[in-house]
Amino acid sequence: MGKKKVLSEKDLRVMVYPSENDVIGIAQKLLGFDRVMVKCQDGNTRICRIRGKMKRRTWIREGDIVLVSPWDFQSEERGEIFHRYTAGQVDDLRHKGVLTME
């Protein structure tokens, strides 16, 4: 079967912008397993879980800019991380005015 090809961050070209329900945030603290505490752009601090599809493919570290989808219930407290932005993508988001937090 063989190994999967590992992509470097400079090869990732897909830019995902937040929709009306999504929020951009900064990963503050790794809580273990698949949980991360995220300070979101709307002012809430959410405990988010990493989406199963990206759990072993994308590693999230403290200080990374992530895209969070708040849950339908407990929307101010919980959410799901479904994308991590690279450094170049973060600069592009700041330049376009989408990312306003430090």
C-alpha atoms as a PDB file:
ATOM      1  CA  MET A   1       0.000   0.000   0.000  1.00  0.00           C
ATOM      2  CA  GLY A   2       2.806   2.472   0.732  1.00  0.00           C
ATOM      3  CA  LYS A   3       3.081   5.639   2.751  1.00  0.00           C
ATOM      4  CA  LYS A   4       1.046   8.771   2.224  1.00  0.00           C
ATOM      5  CA  LYS A   5       2.846  11.753   0.766  1.00  0.00           C
ATOM      6  CA  VAL A   6       3.326  14.434   3.410  1.00  0.00           C
ATOM      7  CA  LEU A   7       2.537  17.925   2.161  1.00  0.00           C
ATOM      8  CA  SER A   8       4.470  20.891   3.452  1.00  0.00           C
ATOM      9  CA  GLU A   9       2.643  24.081   4.390  1.00  0.00           C
ATOM     10  CA  LYS A  10       3.889  25.938   1.335  1.00  0.00           C
ATOM     11  CA  ASP A  11       2.156  23.399  -0.931  1.00  0.00           C
ATOM     12  CA  LEU A  12      -1.273  24.004   0.608  1.00  0.00           C
ATOM     13  CA  ARG A  13      -3.049  26.514  -1.621  1.00  0.00           C
ATOM     14  CA  VAL A  14      -6.711  26.159  -0.614  1.00  0.00           C
ATOM     15  CA  MET A  15      -7.969  29.245   1.211  1.00  0.00           C
ATOM     16  CA  VAL A  16     -11.016  28.659   3.409  1.00  0.00           C
ATOM     17  CA  TYR A  17     -12.923  31.771   4.457  1.00  0.00           C
ATOM     18  CA  PRO A  18     -15.371  31.730   7.385  1.00  0.00           C
ATOM     19  CA  SER A  19     -19.045  31.481   6.483  1.00  0.00           C
ATOM     20  CA  GLU A  20     -21.779  33.259   8.435  1.00  0.00           C
ATOM     21  CA  ASN A  21     -21.860  30.558  11.154  1.00  0.00           C
ATOM     22  CA  ASP A  22     -18.093  30.082  11.514  1.00  0.00           C
ATOM     23  CA  VAL A  23     -15.684  31.970  13.791  1.00  0.00           C
ATOM     24  CA  ILE A  24     -11.922  32.478  13.603  1.00  0.00           C
ATOM     25  CA  GLY A  25      -9.992  31.856  16.814  1.00  0.00           C
ATOM     26  CA  ILE A  26      -6.578  31.315  18.392  1.00  0.00           C
ATOM     27  CA  ALA A  27      -5.717  27.993  20.011  1.00  0.00           C
ATOM     28  CA  GLN A  28      -4.801  28.897  23.592  1.00  0.00           C
ATOM     29  CA  LYS A  29      -4.348  25.600  25.390  1.00  0.00           C
ATOM     30  CA  LEU A  30      -4.249  21.937  24.402  1.00  0.00           C
ATOM     31  CA  LEU A  31      -6.482  20.001  26.783  1.00  0.00           C
ATOM     32  CA  GLY A  32      -5.585  16.489  25.672  1.00  0.00           C
ATOM     33  CA  PHE A  33      -6.985  13.872  23.285  1.00  0.00           C
ATOM     34  CA  ASP A  34      -8.812  16.011  20.724  1.00  0.00           C
ATOM     35  CA  ARG A  35      -9.819  19.009  22.836  1.00  0.00           C
ATOM     36  CA  VAL A  36      -8.434  22.554  22.489  1.00  0.00           C
ATOM     37  CA  MET A  37      -9.344  25.766  24.304  1.00  0.00           C
ATOM     38  CA  VAL A  38      -9.868  28.461  21.657  1.00  0.00           C
ATOM     39  CA  LYS A  39     -10.253  32.237  22.137  1.00  0.00           C
ATOM     40  CA  CYS A  40     -12.661  33.206  19.376  1.00  0.00           C
ATOM     41  CA  GLN A  41     -12.973  36.481  17.504  1.00  0.00           C
ATOM     42  CA  ASP A  42     -16.525  37.028  18.819  1.00  0.00           C
ATOM     43  CA  GLY A  43     -15.203  37.296  22.396  1.00  0.00           C
ATOM     44  CA  ASN A  44     -16.102  33.809  23.644  1.00  0.00           C
ATOM     45  CA  THR A  45     -13.631  31.197  24.853  1.00  0.00           C
ATOM     46  CA  ARG A  46     -14.753  27.791  23.614  1.00  0.00           C
ATOM     47  CA  ILE A  47     -13.651  24.250  24.328  1.00  0.00           C
ATOM     48  CA  CYS A  48     -13.410  22.821  20.833  1.00  0.00           C
ATOM     49  CA  ARG A  49     -12.785  19.352  19.550  1.00  0.00           C
ATOM     50  CA  ILE A  50     -10.681  18.634  16.499  1.00  0.00           C
ATOM     51  CA  ARG A  51     -12.717  17.229  13.645  1.00  0.00           C
ATOM     52  CA  GLY A  52     -12.135  13.512  13.103  1.00  0.00           C
ATOM     53  CA  LYS A  53     -11.114  13.942   9.466  1.00  0.00           C
ATOM     54  CA  MET A  54      -8.204  16.218  10.397  1.00  0.00           C
ATOM     55  CA  LYS A  55      -7.302  14.676  13.774  1.00  0.00           C
ATOM     56  CA  ARG A  56      -4.223  12.744  12.609  1.00  0.00           C
ATOM     57  CA  ARG A  57      -3.495  14.721   9.441  1.00  0.00           C
ATOM     58  CA  THR A  58      -3.161  18.256  10.809  1.00  0.00           C
ATOM     59  CA  TRP A  59      -1.394  19.043  14.069  1.00  0.00           C
ATOM     60  CA  ILE A  60      -2.587  22.040  16.046  1.00  0.00           C
ATOM     61  CA  ARG A  61      -0.240  23.906  18.388  1.00  0.00           C
ATOM     62  CA  GLU A  62      -0.832  26.732  20.851  1.00  0.00           C
ATOM     63  CA  GLY A  63      -1.037  30.055  19.041  1.00  0.00           C
ATOM     64  CA  ASP A  64      -2.351  28.625  15.752  1.00  0.00           C
ATOM     65  CA  ILE A  65      -5.190  30.429  13.991  1.00  0.00           C
ATOM     66  CA  VAL A  66      -8.095  28.023  13.465  1.00  0.00           C
ATOM     67  CA  LEU A  67     -11.585  28.077  12.030  1.00  0.00           C
ATOM     68  CA  VAL A  68     -14.290  27.015  14.506  1.00  0.00           C
ATOM     69  CA  SER A  69     -17.861  25.955  13.890  1.00  0.00           C
ATOM     70  CA  PRO A  70     -19.902  26.541  17.095  1.00  0.00           C
ATOM     71  CA  TRP A  71     -22.271  23.755  18.081  1.00  0.00           C
ATOM     72  CA  ASP A  72     -26.013  24.271  17.668  1.00  0.00           C
ATOM     73  CA  PHE A  73     -26.466  23.840  21.420  1.00  0.00           C
ATOM     74  CA  GLN A  74     -23.958  25.368  23.890  1.00  0.00           C
ATOM     75  CA  SER A  75     -22.789  27.644  21.067  1.00  0.00           C
ATOM     76  CA  GLU A  76     -20.997  30.048  23.464  1.00  0.00           C
ATOM     77  CA  GLU A  77     -19.068  27.231  25.191  1.00  0.00           C
ATOM     78  CA  ARG A  78     -18.393  24.476  22.631  1.00  0.00           C
ATOM     79  CA  GLY A  79     -17.364  24.131  19.013  1.00  0.00           C
ATOM     80  CA  GLU A  80     -15.536  22.072  16.434  1.00  0.00           C
ATOM     81  CA  ILE A  81     -12.230  22.946  14.749  1.00  0.00           C
ATOM     82  CA  PHE A  82     -12.327  22.112  11.062  1.00  0.00           C
ATOM     83  CA  HIS A  83      -9.435  24.115   9.534  1.00  0.00           C
ATOM     84  CA  ARG A  84      -6.014  25.437  10.576  1.00  0.00           C
ATOM     85  CA  TYR A  85      -4.518  28.402   8.743  1.00  0.00           C
ATOM     86  CA  THR A  86      -0.859  28.537   7.725  1.00  0.00           C
ATOM     87  CA  ALA A  87       1.326  31.596   8.350  1.00  0.00           C
ATOM     88  CA  GLY A  88       0.879  32.856   4.798  1.00  0.00           C
ATOM     89  CA  GLN A  89      -2.875  32.422   4.968  1.00  0.00           C
ATOM     90  CA  VAL A  90      -2.993  34.350   8.277  1.00  0.00           C
ATOM     91  CA  ASP A  91      -1.176  37.274   6.639  1.00  0.00           C
ATOM     92  CA  ASP A  92      -3.681  37.173   3.782  1.00  0.00           C
ATOM     93  CA  LEU A  93      -6.618  37.179   6.225  1.00  0.00           C
ATOM     94  CA  ARG A  94      -5.170  40.189   8.087  1.00  0.00           C
ATOM     95  CA  HIS A  95      -4.555  42.027   4.812  1.00  0.00           C
ATOM     96  CA  LYS A  96      -8.177  41.497   3.702  1.00  0.00           C
ATOM     97  CA  GLY A  97      -9.549  42.545   7.118  1.00  0.00           C
ATOM     98  CA  VAL A  98     -11.151  39.196   7.971  1.00  0.00           C
ATOM     99  CA  LEU A  99      -8.868  38.579  10.971  1.00  0.00           C
ATOM    100  CA  THR A 100      -9.006  41.490  13.413  1.00  0.00           C
ATOM    101  CA  MET A 101      -7.608  39.918  16.603  1.00  0.00           C
ATOM    102  CA  GLU A 102      -3.929  39.653  17.561  1.00  0.00           C
END
